[in-house]
Amino acid sequence: MATRFLPRWAVAGLLVIPAFGLGFGVSAAADSSTGTTFYACLKNGDLSNVRTASHSCSAGQTKVTWNASGRQGLPGPQGRAGPTVNTCSSPPGPGLNFSTCMLVGADWNWVDASGSLMNAINLTGSVMSNANMSKVNFSGANLLTSTATRTNFSRSAFPGAQLADSVMPNANFSYANLTNALAGSADFQFSNFTGANLTNAALGGANLDHANLTKANLSFSDLDGATTIGATVAGVTWNHTECPDGTSSSQFKPQTCVGHGF
């Protein structure tokens, strides 16, 4: 006897027929959500001998089979997109994107925003003391007159950032990239610049008293008028550096600013 596969709509109709009308137990109906395959015999519109194992049907009956789960339906319509998170108005946190945000005067004391993107951000007059700003991208950012006492800026990037007149004593700039940074008259006393790249940085009039500049790169940087009482300069790279006393490291062999403001 040939096996006939019922269409899905027919299967759906069959599954709501009372169990006693189909001639099979409640246990078979309970399996309808598991993907079980059913086998039955069909004659004159009546099903009989419904089982979950393949079997033969009598003469005059047609063997039918169906799967409880049915075929995969067509994909539904695309749902609406969820709301876009506006990080410019969100509390700071690790790894967030604040690029181009304007957060003038923001209070970020004690926050952890490590690994965030803050290129071209405007943080003029903000306060971020005791914050974790390590590995943050501040490229082209505006931090004019901001305050960051004891803030961790280690391995952060400040290319072209504006730090003029900022107050950042006891801050950690170890291995930070401050190339082309504009930091005139900034307060960096007791700050740590170990291994920092200060190539072409503008530090004229900055307070570097007791700052640690060990192994920092000061190539082409401008330190004219900077105060450097007690600063540590072991292993500094001097290359056409404008010294605090107005001389150039290139005037001396080997190049140095030691004795010329340091």
C-alpha atoms as a PDB file:
ATOM      1  CA  MET A   1       0.000   0.000   0.000  1.00  0.00           C
ATOM      2  CA  ALA A   2       1.395   3.406  -0.965  1.00  0.00           C
ATOM      3  CA  THR A   3       2.349   5.841   1.772  1.00  0.00           C
ATOM      4  CA  ARG A   4       0.701   9.276   1.632  1.00  0.00           C
ATOM      5  CA  PHE A   5       2.206  12.310   3.396  1.00  0.00           C
ATOM      6  CA  LEU A   6      -0.419  14.658   4.771  1.00  0.00           C
ATOM      7  CA  PRO A   7      -0.056  18.376   4.077  1.00  0.00           C
ATOM      8  CA  ARG A   8       0.810  20.535   7.055  1.00  0.00           C
ATOM      9  CA  TRP A   9      -2.658  22.114   7.256  1.00  0.00           C
ATOM     10  CA  ALA A  10      -4.216  18.702   7.382  1.00  0.00           C
ATOM     11  CA  VAL A  11      -1.865  17.627  10.162  1.00  0.00           C
ATOM     12  CA  ALA A  12      -2.793  20.669  12.195  1.00  0.00           C
ATOM     13  CA  GLY A  13      -6.465  19.770  11.832  1.00  0.00           C
ATOM     14  CA  LEU A  14      -5.874  16.175  12.804  1.00  0.00           C
ATOM     15  CA  LEU A  15      -4.058  17.077  15.993  1.00  0.00           C
ATOM     16  CA  VAL A  16      -7.076  18.874  17.438  1.00  0.00           C
ATOM     17  CA  ILE A  17      -9.444  15.894  16.895  1.00  0.00           C
ATOM     18  CA  PRO A  18     -10.215  14.169  20.229  1.00  0.00           C
ATOM     19  CA  ALA A  19      -8.018  11.188  20.903  1.00  0.00           C
ATOM     20  CA  PHE A  20     -10.931   8.769  21.142  1.00  0.00           C
ATOM     21  CA  GLY A  21     -12.047   9.687  17.614  1.00  0.00           C
ATOM     22  CA  LEU A  22      -8.638   8.863  16.180  1.00  0.00           C
ATOM     23  CA  GLY A  23      -8.245   5.564  17.910  1.00  0.00           C
ATOM     24  CA  PHE A  24      -4.878   6.327  19.508  1.00  0.00           C
ATOM     25  CA  GLY A  25      -3.826   7.028  23.065  1.00  0.00           C
ATOM     26  CA  VAL A  26      -3.206  10.304  24.806  1.00  0.00           C
ATOM     27  CA  SER A  27       0.493   9.505  24.893  1.00  0.00           C
ATOM     28  CA  ALA A  28       0.736   9.918  21.124  1.00  0.00           C
ATOM     29  CA  ALA A  29      -0.915  13.343  21.256  1.00  0.00           C
ATOM     30  CA  ALA A  30       1.430  14.414  24.030  1.00  0.00           C
ATOM     31  CA  ASP A  31       4.379  13.797  21.724  1.00  0.00           C
ATOM     32  CA  SER A  32       3.159  16.385  19.197  1.00  0.00           C
ATOM     33  CA  SER A  33       5.655  19.004  20.384  1.00  0.00           C
ATOM     34  CA  THR A  34       8.718  16.793  20.142  1.00  0.00           C
ATOM     35  CA  GLY A  35       9.021  16.364  16.386  1.00  0.00           C
ATOM     36  CA  THR A  36       7.846  12.702  16.543  1.00  0.00           C
ATOM     37  CA  THR A  37       6.797  11.058  13.232  1.00  0.00           C
ATOM     38  CA  PHE A  38       3.325   9.405  13.254  1.00  0.00           C
ATOM     39  CA  TYR A  39       2.052   6.557  11.030  1.00  0.00           C
ATOM     40  CA  ALA A  40      -1.666   5.743  10.446  1.00  0.00           C
ATOM     41  CA  CYS A  41      -4.136   4.147   8.062  1.00  0.00           C
ATOM     42  CA  LEU A  42      -6.672   6.303   6.176  1.00  0.00           C
ATOM     43  CA  LYS A  43      -9.969   5.089   4.698  1.00  0.00           C
ATOM     44  CA  ASN A  44     -13.009   7.199   3.751  1.00  0.00           C
ATOM     45  CA  GLY A  45     -11.615  10.146   5.708  1.00  0.00           C
ATOM     46  CA  ASP A  46     -11.148   8.125   8.912  1.00  0.00           C
ATOM     47  CA  LEU A  47      -7.762   7.538  10.525  1.00  0.00           C
ATOM     48  CA  SER A  48      -6.988   4.368  12.403  1.00  0.00           C
ATOM     49  CA  ASN A  49      -4.070   2.464  13.824  1.00  0.00           C
ATOM     50  CA  VAL A  50      -2.068   5.616  14.628  1.00  0.00           C
ATOM     51  CA  ARG A  51       1.412   4.718  15.870  1.00  0.00           C
ATOM     52  CA  THR A  52       4.861   6.214  16.237  1.00  0.00           C
ATOM     53  CA  ALA A  53       6.443   3.212  14.462  1.00  0.00           C
ATOM     54  CA  SER A  54       6.038   2.324  10.806  1.00  0.00           C
ATOM     55  CA  HIS A  55       3.517  -0.450  10.079  1.00  0.00           C
ATOM     56  CA  SER A  56       1.352  -1.902   7.275  1.00  0.00           C
ATOM     57  CA  CYS A  57      -2.292  -1.069   6.549  1.00  0.00           C
ATOM     58  CA  SER A  58      -5.080  -3.402   5.484  1.00  0.00           C
ATOM     59  CA  ALA A  59      -6.448  -3.654   1.940  1.00  0.00           C
ATOM     60  CA  GLY A  60      -8.468  -0.579   0.987  1.00  0.00           C
ATOM     61  CA  GLN A  61      -6.599   1.633   3.447  1.00  0.00           C
ATOM     62  CA  THR A  62      -3.944   4.198   2.596  1.00  0.00           C
ATOM     63  CA  LYS A  63      -0.861   4.471   4.781  1.00  0.00           C
ATOM     64  CA  VAL A  64      -0.191   8.076   5.811  1.00  0.00           C
ATOM     65  CA  THR A  65       2.579   9.681   7.845  1.00  0.00           C
ATOM     66  CA  TRP A  66       3.322  13.119   9.251  1.00  0.00           C
ATOM     67  CA  ASN A  67       5.751  14.876  11.564  1.00  0.00           C
ATOM     68  CA  ALA A  68       4.395  16.782  14.551  1.00  0.00           C
ATOM     69  CA  SER A  69       6.740  19.727  14.134  1.00  0.00           C
ATOM     70  CA  GLY A  70       5.830  20.354  10.495  1.00  0.00           C
ATOM     71  CA  ARG A  71       7.995  22.019   7.880  1.00  0.00           C
ATOM     72  CA  GLN A  72      10.051  25.163   8.403  1.00  0.00           C
ATOM     73  CA  GLY A  73       7.845  28.180   7.812  1.00  0.00           C
ATOM     74  CA  LEU A  74       8.765  31.253   5.774  1.00  0.00           C
ATOM     75  CA  PRO A  75      10.776  33.986   7.555  1.00  0.00           C
ATOM     76  CA  GLY A  76       8.666  36.643   9.239  1.00  0.00           C
ATOM     77  CA  PRO A  77       8.930  40.365   8.475  1.00  0.00           C
ATOM     78  CA  GLN A  78      11.936  42.300   9.753  1.00  0.00           C
ATOM     79  CA  GLY A  79      11.245  43.770  13.176  1.00  0.00           C
ATOM     80  CA  ARG A  80      11.912  47.357  14.137  1.00  0.00           C
ATOM     81  CA  ALA A  81      15.426  48.310  15.114  1.00  0.00           C
ATOM     82  CA  GLY A  82      15.951  48.989  18.802  1.00  0.00           C
ATOM     83  CA  PRO A  83      16.837  52.454  20.072  1.00  0.00           C
ATOM     84  CA  THR A  84      20.387  53.687  19.497  1.00  0.00           C
ATOM     85  CA  VAL A  85      22.322  54.206  22.718  1.00  0.00           C
ATOM     86  CA  ASN A  86      23.562  57.797  23.016  1.00  0.00           C
ATOM     87  CA  THR A  87      26.850  57.505  24.874  1.00  0.00           C
ATOM     88  CA  CYS A  88      27.157  61.303  24.974  1.00  0.00           C
ATOM     89  CA  SER A  89      24.466  61.339  27.660  1.00  0.00           C
ATOM     90  CA  SER A  90      25.437  58.033  29.254  1.00  0.00           C
ATOM     91  CA  PRO A  91      27.591  57.532  32.339  1.00  0.00           C
ATOM     92  CA  PRO A  92      31.189  56.762  31.347  1.00  0.00           C
ATOM     93  CA  GLY A  93      32.299  53.154  31.400  1.00  0.00           C
ATOM     94  CA  PRO A  94      35.061  50.929  30.020  1.00  0.00           C
ATOM     95  CA  GLY A  95      35.291  50.546  26.248  1.00  0.00           C
ATOM     96  CA  LEU A  96      32.572  53.043  25.278  1.00  0.00           C
ATOM     97  CA  ASN A  97      32.602  55.373  22.263  1.00  0.00           C
ATOM     98  CA  PHE A  98      32.425  59.060  23.211  1.00  0.00           C
ATOM     99  CA  SER A  99      33.998  60.308  19.978  1.00  0.00           C
ATOM    100  CA  THR A 100      32.970  63.869  19.062  1.00  0.00           C
ATOM    101  CA  CYS A 101      30.778  64.199  22.198  1.00  0.00           C
ATOM    102  CA  MET A 102      30.545  67.609  23.863  1.00  0.00           C
ATOM    103  CA  LEU A 103      30.811  67.129  27.619  1.00  0.00           C
ATOM    104  CA  VAL A 104      32.036  70.527  28.773  1.00  0.00           C
ATOM    105  CA  GLY A 105      32.407  70.635  32.538  1.00  0.00           C
ATOM    106  CA  ALA A 106      31.622  66.915  32.990  1.00  0.00           C
ATOM    107  CA  ASP A 107      32.175  65.346  36.413  1.00  0.00           C
ATOM    108  CA  TRP A 108      34.031  62.073  35.844  1.00  0.00           C
ATOM    109  CA  ASN A 109      35.812  61.805  39.178  1.00  0.00           C
ATOM    110  CA  TRP A 110      36.676  58.209  40.153  1.00  0.00           C
ATOM    111  CA  VAL A 111      35.139  56.708  36.976  1.00  0.00           C
ATOM    112  CA  ASP A 112      36.579  53.822  34.967  1.00  0.00           C
ATOM    113  CA  ALA A 113      36.530  54.693  31.261  1.00  0.00           C
ATOM    114  CA  SER A 114      39.562  52.610  30.303  1.00  0.00           C
ATOM    115  CA  GLY A 115      39.827  51.588  26.662  1.00  0.00           C
ATOM    116  CA  SER A 116      37.198  54.100  25.502  1.00  0.00           C
ATOM    117  CA  LEU A 117      37.205  56.149  22.288  1.00  0.00           C
ATOM    118  CA  MET A 118      37.279  59.881  23.017  1.00  0.00           C
ATOM    119  CA  ASN A 119      38.895  61.301  19.908  1.00  0.00           C
ATOM    120  CA  ALA A 120      37.750  64.865  19.212  1.00  0.00           C
ATOM    121  CA  ILE A 121      35.712  64.887  22.442  1.00  0.00           C
ATOM    122  CA  ASN A 122      35.185  68.261  24.129  1.00  0.00           C
ATOM    123  CA  LEU A 123      35.903  67.973  27.863  1.00  0.00           C
ATOM    124  CA  THR A 124      36.796  71.609  28.462  1.00  0.00           C
ATOM    125  CA  GLY A 125      36.741  72.396  32.170  1.00  0.00           C
ATOM    126  CA  SER A 126      35.863  68.810  33.113  1.00  0.00           C
ATOM    127  CA  VAL A 127      37.020  67.035  36.267  1.00  0.00           C
ATOM    128  CA  MET A 128      38.246  63.438  36.156  1.00  0.00           C
ATOM    129  CA  SER A 129      40.455  63.108  39.211  1.00  0.00           C
ATOM    130  CA  ASN A 130      41.306  59.603  40.457  1.00  0.00           C
ATOM    131  CA  ALA A 131      39.774  58.182  37.273  1.00  0.00           C
ATOM    132  CA  ASN A 132      41.020  55.249  35.199  1.00  0.00           C
ATOM    133  CA  MET A 133      41.595  56.605  31.687  1.00  0.00           C
ATOM    134  CA  SER A 134      44.207  54.078  30.615  1.00  0.00           C
ATOM    135  CA  LYS A 135      44.360  53.065  26.935  1.00  0.00           C
ATOM    136  CA  VAL A 136      41.882  55.798  25.959  1.00  0.00           C
ATOM    137  CA  ASN A 137      42.056  57.423  22.524  1.00  0.00           C
ATOM    138  CA  PHE A 138      42.051  61.207  23.099  1.00  0.00           C
ATOM    139  CA  SER A 139      43.288  62.102  19.593  1.00  0.00           C
ATOM    140  CA  GLY A 140      42.373  65.709  18.845  1.00  0.00           C
ATOM    141  CA  ALA A 141      40.396  65.976  22.094  1.00  0.00           C
ATOM    142  CA  ASN A 142      39.836  69.274  23.903  1.00  0.00           C
ATOM    143  CA  LEU A 143      40.760  69.036  27.590  1.00  0.00           C
ATOM    144  CA  LEU A 144      41.520  72.737  28.088  1.00  0.00           C
ATOM    145  CA  THR A 145      41.415  73.803  31.759  1.00  0.00           C
ATOM    146  CA  SER A 146      40.370  70.290  32.813  1.00  0.00           C
ATOM    147  CA  THR A 147      41.377  68.785  36.165  1.00  0.00           C
ATOM    148  CA  ALA A 148      42.760  65.256  36.451  1.00  0.00           C
ATOM    149  CA  THR A 149      44.612  64.823  39.738  1.00  0.00           C
ATOM    150  CA  ARG A 150      46.027  61.309  40.270  1.00  0.00           C
ATOM    151  CA  THR A 151      44.324  60.111  37.077  1.00  0.00           C
ATOM    152  CA  ASN A 152      45.645  57.053  35.245  1.00  0.00           C
ATOM    153  CA  PHE A 153      46.343  57.937  31.588  1.00  0.00           C
ATOM    154  CA  SER A 154      48.869  55.135  31.039  1.00  0.00           C
ATOM    155  CA  ARG A 155      49.211  54.025  27.407  1.00  0.00           C
ATOM    156  CA  SER A 156      46.545  56.494  26.278  1.00  0.00           C
ATOM    157  CA  ALA A 157      46.812  58.419  22.992  1.00  0.00           C
ATOM    158  CA  PHE A 158      46.753  62.235  22.885  1.00  0.00           C
ATOM    159  CA  PRO A 159      48.018  63.125  19.363  1.00  0.00           C
ATOM    160  CA  GLY A 160      47.033  66.726  18.720  1.00  0.00           C
ATOM    161  CA  ALA A 161      45.009  66.945  21.946  1.00  0.00           C
ATOM    162  CA  GLN A 162      44.612  70.301  23.703  1.00  0.00           C
ATOM    163  CA  LEU A 163      45.733  70.182  27.332  1.00  0.00           C
ATOM    164  CA  ALA A 164      46.685  73.824  27.805  1.00  0.00           C
ATOM    165  CA  ASP A 165      46.062  75.235  31.282  1.00  0.00           C
ATOM    166  CA  SER A 166      44.919  71.827  32.502  1.00  0.00           C
ATOM    167  CA  VAL A 167      45.627  70.765  36.102  1.00  0.00           C
ATOM    168  CA  MET A 168      46.956  67.204  36.136  1.00  0.00           C
ATOM    169  CA  PRO A 169      49.381  66.728  39.043  1.00  0.00           C
ATOM    170  CA  ASN A 170      50.366  63.237  40.163  1.00  0.00           C
ATOM    171  CA  ALA A 171      48.834  61.819  36.969  1.00  0.00           C
ATOM    172  CA  ASN A 172      50.177  58.686  35.296  1.00  0.00           C
ATOM    173  CA  PHE A 173      51.116  59.243  31.627  1.00  0.00           C
ATOM    174  CA  SER A 174      53.517  56.290  31.439  1.00  0.00           C
ATOM    175  CA  TYR A 175      53.981  55.080  27.846  1.00  0.00           C
ATOM    176  CA  ALA A 176      51.295  57.500  26.655  1.00  0.00           C
ATOM    177  CA  ASN A 177      51.416  59.011  23.165  1.00  0.00           C
ATOM    178  CA  LEU A 178      51.408  62.810  23.438  1.00  0.00           C
ATOM    179  CA  THR A 179      52.834  63.642  20.008  1.00  0.00           C
ATOM    180  CA  ASN A 180      51.816  67.129  18.887  1.00  0.00           C
ATOM    181  CA  ALA A 181      49.887  67.653  22.124  1.00  0.00           C
ATOM    182  CA  LEU A 182      49.263  71.299  23.053  1.00  0.00           C
ATOM    183  CA  ALA A 183      49.927  71.505  26.795  1.00  0.00           C
ATOM    184  CA  GLY A 184      51.254  75.008  27.387  1.00  0.00           C
ATOM    185  CA  SER A 185      51.052  76.204  31.016  1.00  0.00           C
ATOM    186  CA  ALA A 186      49.617  72.845  32.145  1.00  0.00           C
ATOM    187  CA  ASP A 187      50.325  71.637  35.675  1.00  0.00           C
ATOM    188  CA  PHE A 188      52.068  68.239  35.565  1.00  0.00           C
ATOM    189  CA  GLN A 189      54.012  68.387  38.824  1.00  0.00           C
ATOM    190  CA  PHE A 190      54.826  64.958  40.259  1.00  0.00           C
ATOM    191  CA  SER A 191      53.281  63.283  37.183  1.00  0.00           C
ATOM    192  CA  ASN A 192      54.783  60.144  35.652  1.00  0.00           C
ATOM    193  CA  PHE A 193      55.828  60.330  31.968  1.00  0.00           C
ATOM    194  CA  THR A 194      58.029  57.200  31.964  1.00  0.00           C
ATOM    195  CA  GLY A 195      58.466  56.010  28.380  1.00  0.00           C
ATOM    196  CA  ALA A 196      55.979  58.585  27.077  1.00  0.00           C
ATOM    197  CA  ASN A 197      56.234  59.903  23.509  1.00  0.00           C
ATOM    198  CA  LEU A 198      56.239  63.724  23.680  1.00  0.00           C
ATOM    199  CA  THR A 199      57.551  64.314  20.176  1.00  0.00           C
ATOM    200  CA  ASN A 200      56.720  67.829  18.979  1.00  0.00           C
ATOM    201  CA  ALA A 201      54.633  68.474  22.101  1.00  0.00           C
ATOM    202  CA  ALA A 202      54.083  72.094  23.128  1.00  0.00           C
ATOM    203  CA  LEU A 203      54.973  72.293  26.837  1.00  0.00           C
ATOM    204  CA  GLY A 204      55.995  75.922  27.055  1.00  0.00           C
ATOM    205  CA  GLY A 205      55.439  77.290  30.543  1.00  0.00           C
ATOM    206  CA  ALA A 206      54.263  73.901  31.865  1.00  0.00           C
ATOM    207  CA  ASN A 207      54.892  72.888  35.465  1.00  0.00           C
ATOM    208  CA  LEU A 208      57.013  69.730  35.388  1.00  0.00           C
ATOM    209  CA  ASP A 209      58.389  70.037  38.908  1.00  0.00           C
ATOM    210  CA  HIS A 210      59.326  66.583  40.240  1.00  0.00           C
ATOM    211  CA  ALA A 211      57.863  64.946  37.114  1.00  0.00           C
ATOM    212  CA  ASN A 212      59.301  61.580  36.078  1.00  0.00           C
ATOM    213  CA  LEU A 213      60.453  61.800  32.443  1.00  0.00           C
ATOM    214  CA  THR A 214      62.573  58.645  32.491  1.00  0.00           C
ATOM    215  CA  LYS A 215      63.103  57.343  28.929  1.00  0.00           C
ATOM    216  CA  ALA A 216      60.590  59.849  27.524  1.00  0.00           C
ATOM    217  CA  ASN A 217      60.981  60.994  23.920  1.00  0.00           C
ATOM    218  CA  LEU A 218      61.254  64.802  23.846  1.00  0.00           C
ATOM    219  CA  SER A 219      62.283  65.126  20.189  1.00  0.00           C
ATOM    220  CA  PHE A 220      61.309  68.516  18.735  1.00  0.00           C
ATOM    221  CA  SER A 221      59.255  69.313  21.850  1.00  0.00           C
ATOM    222  CA  ASP A 222      58.995  72.877  23.156  1.00  0.00           C
ATOM    223  CA  LEU A 223      59.834  73.248  26.863  1.00  0.00           C
ATOM    224  CA  ASP A 224      60.649  76.955  26.775  1.00  0.00           C
ATOM    225  CA  GLY A 225      59.769  78.516  30.127  1.00  0.00           C
ATOM    226  CA  ALA A 226      58.770  75.204  31.742  1.00  0.00           C
ATOM    227  CA  THR A 227      59.650  74.679  35.411  1.00  0.00           C
ATOM    228  CA  THR A 228      61.418  71.398  36.075  1.00  0.00           C
ATOM    229  CA  ILE A 229      62.611  71.457  39.713  1.00  0.00           C
ATOM    230  CA  GLY A 230      63.442  67.919  40.795  1.00  0.00           C
ATOM    231  CA  ALA A 231      62.395  66.368  37.465  1.00  0.00           C
ATOM    232  CA  THR A 232      63.897  62.968  36.548  1.00  0.00           C
ATOM    233  CA  VAL A 233      65.327  62.817  33.016  1.00  0.00           C
ATOM    234  CA  ALA A 234      67.352  59.574  32.925  1.00  0.00           C
ATOM    235  CA  GLY A 235      67.405  58.071  29.432  1.00  0.00           C
ATOM    236  CA  VAL A 236      65.450  60.961  27.830  1.00  0.00           C
ATOM    237  CA  THR A 237      65.693  61.293  24.036  1.00  0.00           C
ATOM    238  CA  TRP A 238      66.860  64.840  23.290  1.00  0.00           C
ATOM    239  CA  ASN A 239      66.564  65.724  19.607  1.00  0.00           C
ATOM    240  CA  HIS A 240      66.177  69.381  18.623  1.00  0.00           C
ATOM    241  CA  THR A 241      64.340  69.896  21.901  1.00  0.00           C
ATOM    242  CA  GLU A 242      63.764  73.491  22.961  1.00  0.00           C
ATOM    243  CA  CYS A 243      65.084  73.596  26.511  1.00  0.00           C
ATOM    244  CA  PRO A 244      63.422  75.486  29.403  1.00  0.00           C
ATOM    245  CA  ASP A 245      66.123  78.186  29.246  1.00  0.00           C
ATOM    246  CA  GLY A 246      65.401  78.887  25.557  1.00  0.00           C
ATOM    247  CA  THR A 247      68.396  77.025  24.138  1.00  0.00           C
ATOM    248  CA  SER A 248      68.127  74.014  21.828  1.00  0.00           C
ATOM    249  CA  SER A 249      69.444  70.553  22.655  1.00  0.00           C
ATOM    250  CA  SER A 250      70.947  70.529  19.153  1.00  0.00           C
ATOM    251  CA  GLN A 251      73.446  73.193  20.299  1.00  0.00           C
ATOM    252  CA  PHE A 252      75.198  70.639  22.491  1.00  0.00           C
ATOM    253  CA  LYS A 253      77.081  67.436  21.855  1.00  0.00           C
ATOM    254  CA  PRO A 254      75.711  65.039  22.780  1.00  0.00           C
ATOM    255  CA  GLN A 255      72.320  66.689  22.584  1.00  0.00           C
ATOM    256  CA  THR A 256      70.831  67.482  25.990  1.00  0.00           C
ATOM    257  CA  CYS A 257      68.854  69.966  28.011  1.00  0.00           C
ATOM    258  CA  VAL A 258      70.495  68.917  31.243  1.00  0.00           C
ATOM    259  CA  GLY A 259      72.039  72.061  32.691  1.00  0.00           C
ATOM    260  CA  HIS A 260      69.693  74.180  30.573  1.00  0.00           C
ATOM    261  CA  GLY A 261      66.600  74.146  32.707  1.00  0.00           C
ATOM    262  CA  PHE A 262      66.911  70.588  34.020  1.00  0.00           C
END
